[in-house]
């Protein structure tokens, strides 16, 4: 036996069965798909948008909307329901055939008339094995729905924090613009009092213009981030609003071994790969059963006018598996099992790799946040206050004040940049390092072909 060959499976065994995600059942997938078909082309949730228009958008409100409106989630739910339809079809028994047969009709008095019923009996438990394969496919599709839900939540949180940071950057630019405007007025007043110089005014005006440019750039960044955020939420035409949130609530403490264990044990991406492995195992068993031929039974009853008596005929037949023992499909199913086993291993390694990147980004950003909070920003704030006092008292030149102001503003922006980087990395880690909320989802790989194969008897 090959090292990747599936274990032997008895006729009625259920080996390799995975667990349907908690809170995500076949009924919820059907409900989500019905919601998809019922949706029109208008704004998908005007009432939800109106409810937060006055107070601002919170992360929890956007998450609730996204889980209902994101098209990729609904697409995955439709694929799950599609697999449910195929499961129903592949387990259906063949219909009986009823008919009439007349012989020797041109020879009056010797003609025979027979009514018959023909029924194919599918042996080898192939129909039940068909259902078992599709059961695993349904579970893999349900895990695909759960995976897409987590992708959407991760993307939404990352976009939310980016948009919130852009909103805060606008506020910082506005605050510093006020400071720069006061600086220009103060420089002009010193010139009028013959205490300052024209270059001081020009330098102050240059700094003001730079801040105004940064504010316009922050506005553009906010609009772009807002568009991406609302697209993930499934509200592409929602006008820009105000976000409610805080970037400084995250903890930098993480037990990384526990984080990795938790992700690998609960990730819907891994569970989906396990369900596909179980599906491949069931498919291998199903192809082995195909070599068992089906039985065709015909029962006929009628009248023989030549003898004046009734008659009953029966016919039983089955193909002999001499040339075709389904060996090609069995080999292909075995290869698919090996492929699914390696896909599970690849998925786990990919998660570990993505987690390592996310950990590096998180720890780097967390170090920056701590450094700015505890050391850099307090010193920059104190330096700015002292420089302003010294300049007002004539104890410091204006160039020094401009440098201190710029340092304080840039430190505030860098602190915000570190905060949003930390928040993005945390969202990625909490979302089992899954992203791609608007990517196309995996469709079911099966149709009702297994039933056609089962009924062929070959």
Protein backbone atom coordinates (compact mmCIF):
# COMPACT_ATOMS: atom_id res chain seq x y z
CA UNK A 1 0.00 0.00 0.00
CA UNK A 2 1.31 3.47 -0.91
CA UNK A 3 2.10 5.80 1.98
CA UNK A 4 -0.70 8.13 0.85
CA UNK A 5 -3.25 5.42 0.12
CA UNK A 6 -6.52 5.88 2.00
CA UNK A 7 -7.27 3.39 4.78
CA UNK A 8 -9.60 0.54 3.99
CA UNK A 9 -13.25 1.51 4.38
CA UNK A 10 -16.04 -0.90 5.17
CA UNK A 11 -19.30 -0.77 3.32
CA UNK A 12 -21.12 1.22 5.98
CA UNK A 13 -18.26 3.12 7.56
CA UNK A 14 -18.19 6.89 7.93
CA UNK A 15 -14.46 7.38 8.27
CA UNK A 16 -13.02 10.74 7.55
CA UNK A 17 -16.15 12.67 8.42
CA UNK A 18 -15.41 16.29 9.31
CA UNK A 19 -17.51 18.49 11.52
CA UNK A 20 -19.81 21.14 10.11
CA UNK A 21 -18.82 24.60 11.41
CA UNK A 22 -20.54 25.65 14.61
CA UNK A 23 -23.34 28.08 13.80
CA UNK A 24 -23.09 27.32 10.08
CA UNK A 25 -25.43 24.61 8.87
CA UNK A 26 -26.90 23.59 5.54
CA UNK A 27 -30.03 25.55 6.47
CA UNK A 28 -28.07 28.78 6.99
CA UNK A 29 -26.34 28.32 3.64
CA UNK A 30 -29.72 27.85 1.96
CA UNK A 31 -31.08 30.92 3.73
CA UNK A 32 -28.13 33.01 2.63
CA UNK A 33 -28.58 31.91 -0.97
CA UNK A 34 -32.29 32.70 -0.89
CA UNK A 35 -31.33 36.14 0.37
CA UNK A 36 -29.02 36.43 -2.63
CA UNK A 37 -31.79 35.63 -5.11
CA UNK A 38 -34.23 37.96 -3.37
CA UNK A 39 -31.87 40.94 -3.47
CA UNK A 40 -32.54 43.65 -6.04
CA UNK A 41 -30.13 46.06 -7.69
CA UNK A 42 -30.83 48.99 -5.42
CA UNK A 43 -28.83 50.04 -2.38
CA UNK A 44 -28.74 46.75 -0.43
CA UNK A 45 -29.23 48.23 2.98
CA UNK A 46 -30.54 51.81 3.02
CA UNK A 47 -32.09 51.40 6.45
CA UNK A 48 -28.84 50.14 7.95
CA UNK A 49 -26.97 53.06 6.42
CA UNK A 50 -29.53 55.57 7.66
CA UNK A 51 -29.38 54.22 11.20
CA UNK A 52 -25.73 55.18 11.57
CA UNK A 53 -25.73 58.30 9.42
CA UNK A 54 -26.14 60.62 12.38
CA UNK A 55 -23.94 58.90 14.95
CA UNK A 56 -21.13 57.61 12.74
CA UNK A 57 -20.09 54.14 11.67
CA UNK A 58 -18.75 51.70 14.25
CA UNK A 59 -16.77 48.58 13.44
CA UNK A 60 -19.46 46.25 14.79
CA UNK A 61 -22.15 47.89 12.64
CA UNK A 62 -20.05 47.57 9.50
CA UNK A 63 -19.25 43.94 10.31
CA UNK A 64 -22.94 43.11 10.67
CA UNK A 65 -23.71 44.72 7.31
CA UNK A 66 -20.76 43.03 5.58
CA UNK A 67 -21.79 39.55 6.74
CA UNK A 68 -25.17 40.10 5.10
CA UNK A 69 -24.18 42.06 2.02
CA UNK A 70 -20.73 40.91 0.93
CA UNK A 71 -21.20 39.16 -2.45
CA UNK A 72 -18.35 36.68 -1.93
CA UNK A 73 -20.06 35.25 1.18
CA UNK A 74 -23.32 34.90 -0.74
CA UNK A 75 -21.40 33.34 -3.63
CA UNK A 76 -19.90 30.73 -1.30
CA UNK A 77 -23.33 30.03 0.21
CA UNK A 78 -24.75 29.47 -3.28
CA UNK A 79 -21.97 26.99 -4.02
CA UNK A 80 -22.82 25.10 -0.84
CA UNK A 81 -26.48 24.90 -1.83
CA UNK A 82 -25.43 23.78 -5.30
CA UNK A 83 -23.54 20.87 -3.74
CA UNK A 84 -26.64 20.00 -1.69
CA UNK A 85 -28.66 19.70 -4.89
CA UNK A 86 -26.06 17.39 -6.40
CA UNK A 87 -26.05 15.25 -3.26
CA UNK A 88 -29.79 14.75 -3.55
CA UNK A 89 -29.45 13.76 -7.19
CA UNK A 90 -26.57 11.29 -6.92
CA UNK A 91 -28.40 9.12 -4.38
CA UNK A 92 -31.59 8.65 -6.38
CA UNK A 93 -32.35 5.13 -7.54
CA UNK A 94 -32.99 4.52 -11.26
CA UNK A 95 -36.57 4.69 -12.47
CA UNK A 96 -38.26 1.46 -13.58
CA UNK A 97 -39.09 1.00 -17.24
CA UNK A 98 -42.55 -0.25 -18.18
CA UNK A 99 -43.44 -1.29 -21.72
CA UNK A 100 -45.20 -3.49 -24.17
CA UNK A 101 -43.79 -6.12 -26.50
CA UNK A 102 -45.64 -7.84 -29.33
CA UNK A 103 -44.22 -10.70 -31.40
CA UNK A 104 -45.44 -12.61 -34.49
CA UNK A 105 -48.04 -9.91 -35.08
CA UNK A 106 -48.28 -10.69 -38.82
CA UNK A 107 -49.04 -14.36 -38.15
CA UNK A 108 -52.66 -14.32 -37.07
CA UNK A 109 -53.45 -16.72 -34.29
CA UNK A 110 -49.88 -17.12 -33.10
CA UNK A 111 -49.20 -13.56 -31.97
CA UNK A 112 -47.93 -12.91 -28.46
CA UNK A 113 -48.55 -9.80 -26.37
CA UNK A 114 -46.49 -9.03 -23.29
CA UNK A 115 -46.36 -6.19 -20.77
CA UNK A 116 -43.07 -5.92 -18.94
CA UNK A 117 -41.36 -4.07 -16.11
CA UNK A 118 -37.60 -3.55 -16.19
CA UNK A 119 -35.61 -2.42 -13.18
CA UNK A 120 -31.88 -1.88 -12.77
CA UNK A 121 -30.59 -2.74 -9.29
CA UNK A 122 -27.51 -0.73 -8.38
CA UNK A 123 -25.23 -3.02 -6.41
CA UNK A 124 -22.11 -2.32 -4.39
CA UNK A 125 -23.91 0.35 -2.35
CA UNK A 126 -22.77 2.83 -4.99
CA UNK A 127 -25.63 5.28 -4.49
CA UNK A 128 -24.99 5.59 -0.77
CA UNK A 129 -21.30 5.99 -1.46
CA UNK A 130 -22.20 8.76 -3.90
CA UNK A 131 -24.04 10.57 -1.12
CA UNK A 132 -21.08 10.06 1.21
CA UNK A 133 -18.77 11.79 -1.28
CA UNK A 134 -21.16 14.70 -1.69
CA UNK A 135 -21.67 14.94 2.08
CA UNK A 136 -17.97 15.66 2.42
CA UNK A 137 -18.12 18.10 -0.48
CA UNK A 138 -20.96 19.97 1.21
CA UNK A 139 -18.95 20.22 4.40
CA UNK A 140 -15.96 21.52 2.48
CA UNK A 141 -18.22 24.13 0.89
CA UNK A 142 -19.65 25.11 4.29
CA UNK A 143 -16.11 25.59 5.53
CA UNK A 144 -15.53 27.69 2.42
CA UNK A 145 -18.41 29.91 3.53
CA UNK A 146 -16.90 30.22 7.00
CA UNK A 147 -13.46 30.92 5.50
CA UNK A 148 -14.93 33.68 3.36
CA UNK A 149 -16.71 35.16 6.37
CA UNK A 150 -13.39 35.43 8.17
CA UNK A 151 -11.71 36.87 5.08
CA UNK A 152 -14.38 39.54 4.91
CA UNK A 153 -14.12 40.36 8.62
CA UNK A 154 -10.32 40.61 8.41
CA UNK A 155 -10.44 42.82 5.33
CA UNK A 156 -13.16 44.97 6.85
CA UNK A 157 -11.23 45.49 10.08
CA UNK A 158 -8.03 46.35 8.25
CA UNK A 159 -9.86 48.81 5.99
CA UNK A 160 -11.68 50.23 9.01
CA UNK A 161 -8.42 50.92 10.84
CA UNK A 162 -6.87 52.41 7.70
CA UNK A 163 -9.87 54.70 7.24
CA UNK A 164 -9.92 55.59 10.93
CA UNK A 165 -6.22 56.47 10.73
CA UNK A 166 -6.85 58.61 7.64
CA UNK A 167 -9.65 60.36 9.51
CA UNK A 168 -7.32 60.97 12.45
CA UNK A 169 -4.59 62.22 10.08
CA UNK A 170 -7.03 64.82 8.78
CA UNK A 171 -7.69 65.90 12.36
CA UNK A 172 -3.96 66.13 13.09
CA UNK A 173 -3.37 68.19 9.97
CA UNK A 174 -6.24 70.49 10.91
CA UNK A 175 -4.86 70.91 14.44
CA UNK A 176 -1.36 71.65 13.19
CA UNK A 177 -2.75 73.99 10.53
CA UNK A 178 -4.24 76.05 13.34
CA UNK A 179 -0.83 76.13 15.04
CA UNK A 180 0.87 77.11 11.77
CA UNK A 181 -1.63 79.90 11.15
CA UNK A 182 -0.95 81.28 14.62
CA UNK A 183 2.74 81.07 13.83
CA UNK A 184 2.26 83.18 10.70
CA UNK A 185 0.25 85.78 12.58
CA UNK A 186 2.82 85.88 15.35
CA UNK A 187 5.69 86.25 12.87
CA UNK A 188 3.87 89.12 11.12
CA UNK A 189 3.20 90.79 14.47
CA UNK A 190 6.90 90.59 15.36
CA UNK A 191 7.84 92.19 12.04
CA UNK A 192 5.32 94.96 12.63
CA UNK A 193 6.82 95.49 16.09
CA UNK A 194 10.30 95.60 14.51
CA UNK A 195 11.30 92.54 16.50
CA UNK A 196 11.21 89.95 13.68
CA UNK A 197 12.36 89.64 10.10
CA UNK A 198 10.75 89.04 6.72
CA UNK A 199 12.45 85.60 6.31
CA UNK A 200 10.71 84.49 9.52
CA UNK A 201 7.33 85.33 7.99
CA UNK A 202 8.21 83.51 4.78
CA UNK A 203 9.34 80.42 6.70
CA UNK A 204 6.13 80.44 8.71
CA UNK A 205 4.05 80.73 5.54
CA UNK A 206 5.97 77.87 3.90
CA UNK A 207 5.26 75.65 6.88
CA UNK A 208 1.56 76.58 6.72
CA UNK A 209 1.38 75.76 3.01
CA UNK A 210 3.05 72.39 3.62
CA UNK A 211 0.52 71.56 6.32
CA UNK A 212 -2.36 72.57 4.07
CA UNK A 213 -0.98 70.28 1.36
CA UNK A 214 -0.76 67.41 3.85
CA UNK A 215 -4.35 68.03 4.84
CA UNK A 216 -5.51 67.78 1.22
CA UNK A 217 -3.48 64.60 0.83
CA UNK A 218 -5.04 63.23 4.01
CA UNK A 219 -8.50 64.01 2.59
CA UNK A 220 -7.66 62.07 -0.57
CA UNK A 221 -6.30 59.15 1.47
CA UNK A 222 -9.50 59.11 3.53
CA UNK A 223 -11.71 59.03 0.44
CA UNK A 224 -9.72 56.13 -1.02
CA UNK A 225 -9.76 54.18 2.24
CA UNK A 226 -13.49 54.83 2.68
CA UNK A 227 -14.22 53.50 -0.82
CA UNK A 228 -12.32 50.29 -0.09
CA UNK A 229 -14.01 49.89 3.29
CA UNK A 230 -17.52 50.28 1.94
CA UNK A 231 -16.80 47.98 -0.99
CA UNK A 232 -15.88 45.15 1.39
CA UNK A 233 -19.03 45.87 3.41
CA UNK A 234 -21.14 45.51 0.25
CA UNK A 235 -22.30 49.16 0.19
CA UNK A 236 -20.36 50.53 -2.80
CA UNK A 237 -22.36 53.75 -3.23
CA UNK A 238 -22.47 54.86 0.40
CA UNK A 239 -21.22 58.47 0.77
CA UNK A 240 -18.26 59.06 3.05
CA UNK A 241 -19.18 59.35 6.70
CA UNK A 242 -17.55 59.47 10.10
CA UNK A 243 -16.06 56.46 11.85
CA UNK A 244 -16.27 55.75 15.55
CA UNK A 245 -13.35 53.88 16.98
CA UNK A 246 -10.03 53.99 18.80
CA UNK A 247 -6.63 52.82 17.62
CA UNK A 248 -5.05 52.79 21.05
CA UNK A 249 -6.99 49.92 22.64
CA UNK A 250 -4.78 47.07 21.43
CA UNK A 251 -2.47 45.12 23.69
CA UNK A 252 1.06 44.33 22.56
CA UNK A 253 1.18 41.12 24.64
CA UNK A 254 0.73 37.90 22.67
CA UNK A 255 1.46 34.28 23.55
CA UNK A 256 2.65 33.32 20.08
CA UNK A 257 2.87 29.53 20.52
CA UNK A 258 -0.72 29.55 21.78
CA UNK A 259 -1.76 31.83 18.93
CA UNK A 260 -0.31 29.43 16.35
CA UNK A 261 -1.91 26.39 18.00
CA UNK A 262 -5.26 28.16 18.17
CA UNK A 263 -5.19 29.17 14.52
CA UNK A 264 -4.15 25.75 13.24
CA UNK A 265 -6.81 24.01 15.32
CA UNK A 266 -9.71 26.33 14.50
CA UNK A 267 -8.89 27.79 11.09
CA UNK A 268 -11.77 27.15 8.66
CA UNK A 269 -9.14 27.05 5.92
CA UNK A 270 -7.57 23.98 7.56
CA UNK A 271 -10.96 22.44 8.28
CA UNK A 272 -11.90 22.88 4.64
CA UNK A 273 -8.71 21.10 3.56
CA UNK A 274 -9.51 18.26 5.97
CA UNK A 275 -13.03 18.01 4.54
CA UNK A 276 -11.57 17.77 1.04
CA UNK A 277 -9.23 15.03 2.24
CA UNK A 278 -12.21 13.15 3.68
CA UNK A 279 -14.03 13.70 0.38
CA UNK A 280 -11.07 12.24 -1.53
CA UNK A 281 -11.07 9.21 0.79
CA UNK A 282 -14.79 8.70 0.20
CA UNK A 283 -14.29 9.11 -3.54
CA UNK A 284 -11.55 6.48 -3.54
CA UNK A 285 -13.87 4.03 -1.81
CA UNK A 286 -16.65 4.95 -4.22
CA UNK A 287 -14.49 4.20 -7.28
CA UNK A 288 -13.48 0.85 -5.83
CA UNK A 289 -17.16 -0.07 -5.56
CA UNK A 290 -17.77 0.79 -9.22
CA UNK A 291 -16.31 -2.54 -10.32
CA UNK A 292 -19.34 -4.28 -8.78
CA UNK A 293 -21.75 -4.63 -11.72
CA UNK A 294 -25.40 -3.67 -11.58
CA UNK A 295 -28.17 -6.21 -11.98
CA UNK A 296 -30.83 -5.73 -14.62
CA UNK A 297 -34.13 -7.52 -13.95
CA UNK A 298 -37.03 -7.80 -16.43
CA UNK A 299 -40.40 -9.32 -15.54
CA UNK A 300 -42.96 -9.76 -18.31
CA UNK A 301 -46.48 -11.19 -18.43
CA UNK A 302 -48.84 -11.60 -21.35
CA UNK A 303 -50.99 -13.73 -23.63
CA UNK A 304 -49.93 -16.28 -26.24
CA UNK A 305 -52.79 -16.45 -28.75
CA UNK A 306 -51.18 -19.47 -30.42
CA UNK A 307 -51.72 -21.64 -27.37
CA UNK A 308 -54.52 -19.64 -25.83
CA UNK A 309 -52.69 -19.47 -22.54
CA UNK A 310 -50.97 -16.79 -20.51
CA UNK A 311 -47.25 -16.59 -20.00
CA UNK A 312 -44.71 -15.06 -17.63
CA UNK A 313 -41.13 -14.29 -18.65
CA UNK A 314 -38.21 -13.11 -16.59
CA UNK A 315 -34.76 -11.99 -17.58
CA UNK A 316 -31.76 -11.20 -15.37
CA UNK A 317 -28.42 -9.92 -16.61
CA UNK A 318 -25.29 -8.12 -15.54
CA UNK A 319 -22.07 -7.07 -17.27
CA UNK A 320 -18.96 -9.08 -16.55
CA UNK A 321 -16.10 -6.89 -15.24
CA UNK A 322 -13.44 -8.50 -17.42
CA UNK A 323 -11.98 -5.65 -19.43
CA UNK A 324 -13.21 -2.68 -17.43
CA UNK A 325 -12.75 -2.95 -13.68
CA UNK A 326 -12.72 0.84 -13.27
CA UNK A 327 -8.98 0.65 -12.72
CA UNK A 328 -8.31 4.02 -14.32
CA UNK A 329 -10.76 5.91 -12.09
CA UNK A 330 -9.49 4.08 -9.03
CA UNK A 331 -5.96 5.18 -9.83
CA UNK A 332 -7.11 8.75 -10.41
CA UNK A 333 -9.03 8.75 -7.11
CA UNK A 334 -5.94 7.47 -5.32
CA UNK A 335 -3.87 10.28 -6.83
CA UNK A 336 -6.51 12.80 -5.78
CA UNK A 337 -6.32 11.49 -2.22
CA UNK A 338 -2.52 11.97 -2.26
CA UNK A 339 -3.03 15.46 -3.65
CA UNK A 340 -5.59 16.34 -0.96
CA UNK A 341 -3.25 15.07 1.77
CA UNK A 342 -0.47 17.32 0.48
CA UNK A 343 -2.91 20.21 0.15
CA UNK A 344 -3.73 19.90 3.85
CA UNK A 345 -0.03 19.95 4.70
CA UNK A 346 0.55 22.88 2.34
CA UNK A 347 -2.34 24.80 3.93
CA UNK A 348 -0.91 24.36 7.43
CA UNK A 349 2.56 25.45 6.31
CA UNK A 350 1.12 28.44 4.45
CA UNK A 351 -0.72 29.53 7.59
CA UNK A 352 2.47 29.25 9.63
CA UNK A 353 4.32 31.33 7.04
CA UNK A 354 1.64 34.03 6.93
CA UNK A 355 1.49 34.07 10.71
CA UNK A 356 5.26 34.62 10.88
CA UNK A 357 4.91 37.65 8.59
CA UNK A 358 1.98 38.98 10.61
CA UNK A 359 3.89 38.47 13.87
CA UNK A 360 6.88 40.39 12.50
CA UNK A 361 4.67 43.28 11.42
CA UNK A 362 2.78 43.25 14.72
CA UNK A 363 5.86 43.24 16.92
CA UNK A 364 7.59 45.91 14.83
CA UNK A 365 4.54 48.16 14.97
CA UNK A 366 3.98 47.46 18.68
CA UNK A 367 7.57 48.49 19.44
CA UNK A 368 6.96 51.74 17.60
CA UNK A 369 3.68 52.41 19.39
CA UNK A 370 5.26 51.85 22.82
CA UNK A 371 8.29 53.98 21.98
CA UNK A 372 6.19 56.88 20.72
CA UNK A 373 3.68 56.69 23.57
CA UNK A 374 6.19 56.47 26.41
CA UNK A 375 9.19 58.42 25.18
CA UNK A 376 9.05 60.26 21.87
CA UNK A 377 5.68 62.03 21.97
CA UNK A 378 5.96 63.27 25.59
CA UNK A 379 9.39 64.74 24.83
CA UNK A 380 8.24 66.25 21.54
CA UNK A 381 5.24 67.82 23.28
CA UNK A 382 7.38 69.27 26.08
CA UNK A 383 10.00 70.53 23.63
CA UNK A 384 7.33 72.32 21.59
CA UNK A 385 5.93 74.08 24.67
CA UNK A 386 9.41 75.18 25.81
CA UNK A 387 10.38 76.39 22.32
CA UNK A 388 7.20 78.44 21.97
CA UNK A 389 7.79 80.06 25.36
CA UNK A 390 11.43 80.79 24.57
CA UNK A 391 10.57 82.32 21.21
CA UNK A 392 7.85 84.50 22.74
CA UNK A 393 10.37 85.73 25.30
CA UNK A 394 12.94 86.43 22.56
CA UNK A 395 15.28 83.74 23.84
CA UNK A 396 15.13 81.49 20.75
CA UNK A 397 15.29 82.08 17.01
CA UNK A 398 12.30 81.40 14.79
CA UNK A 399 13.98 78.64 12.77
CA UNK A 400 14.33 76.56 15.92
CA UNK A 401 10.62 76.94 16.61
CA UNK A 402 9.76 75.78 13.09
CA UNK A 403 11.97 72.71 13.48
CA UNK A 404 10.37 71.83 16.81
CA UNK A 405 6.87 72.22 15.38
CA UNK A 406 7.67 69.98 12.43
CA UNK A 407 9.22 67.38 14.73
CA UNK A 408 6.12 67.28 16.91
CA UNK A 409 3.77 66.97 13.94
CA UNK A 410 5.84 64.28 12.23
CA UNK A 411 6.13 62.33 15.50
CA UNK A 412 2.35 62.44 15.85
CA UNK A 413 1.91 61.16 12.29
CA UNK A 414 4.49 58.40 12.78
CA UNK A 415 2.76 57.34 16.00
CA UNK A 416 -0.52 57.11 14.08
CA UNK A 417 1.21 55.10 11.35
CA UNK A 418 2.55 52.65 13.94
CA UNK A 419 -0.90 52.36 15.52
CA UNK A 420 -2.63 51.49 12.26
CA UNK A 421 0.11 49.00 11.33
CA UNK A 422 -0.34 47.29 14.68
CA UNK A 423 -4.13 47.26 14.29
CA UNK A 424 -3.89 45.80 10.78
CA UNK A 425 -1.55 43.05 11.94
CA UNK A 426 -3.78 42.27 14.93
CA UNK A 427 -6.83 42.01 12.67
CA UNK A 428 -4.95 39.63 10.39
CA UNK A 429 -3.86 37.44 13.31
CA UNK A 430 -7.31 37.41 14.91
CA UNK A 431 -8.77 36.47 11.52
CA UNK A 432 -6.60 33.33 11.20
CA UNK A 433 -4.33 35.21 8.74
CA UNK A 434 -7.08 35.12 6.11
CA UNK A 435 -7.57 37.99 3.66
CA UNK A 436 -9.34 38.48 0.33
CA UNK A 437 -12.88 39.49 1.23
CA UNK A 438 -13.74 40.27 -2.40
CA UNK A 439 -11.80 37.45 -4.06
CA UNK A 440 -13.68 34.82 -6.05
CA UNK A 441 -14.47 31.80 -3.89
CA UNK A 442 -13.95 28.11 -4.66
CA UNK A 443 -16.96 26.58 -6.36
CA UNK A 444 -17.98 22.97 -5.89
CA UNK A 445 -15.95 20.59 -8.03
CA UNK A 446 -18.76 18.03 -8.33
CA UNK A 447 -21.95 17.58 -10.29
CA UNK A 448 -24.37 14.67 -10.65
CA UNK A 449 -21.93 12.64 -12.76
CA UNK A 450 -21.41 10.06 -10.02
CA UNK A 451 -24.99 8.91 -10.42
CA UNK A 452 -24.56 8.47 -14.18
CA UNK A 453 -21.46 6.40 -13.49
CA UNK A 454 -23.31 4.31 -10.90
CA UNK A 455 -26.21 3.59 -13.28
CA UNK A 456 -23.96 2.60 -16.15
CA UNK A 457 -22.88 -0.53 -14.34
CA UNK A 458 -19.54 -0.40 -16.16
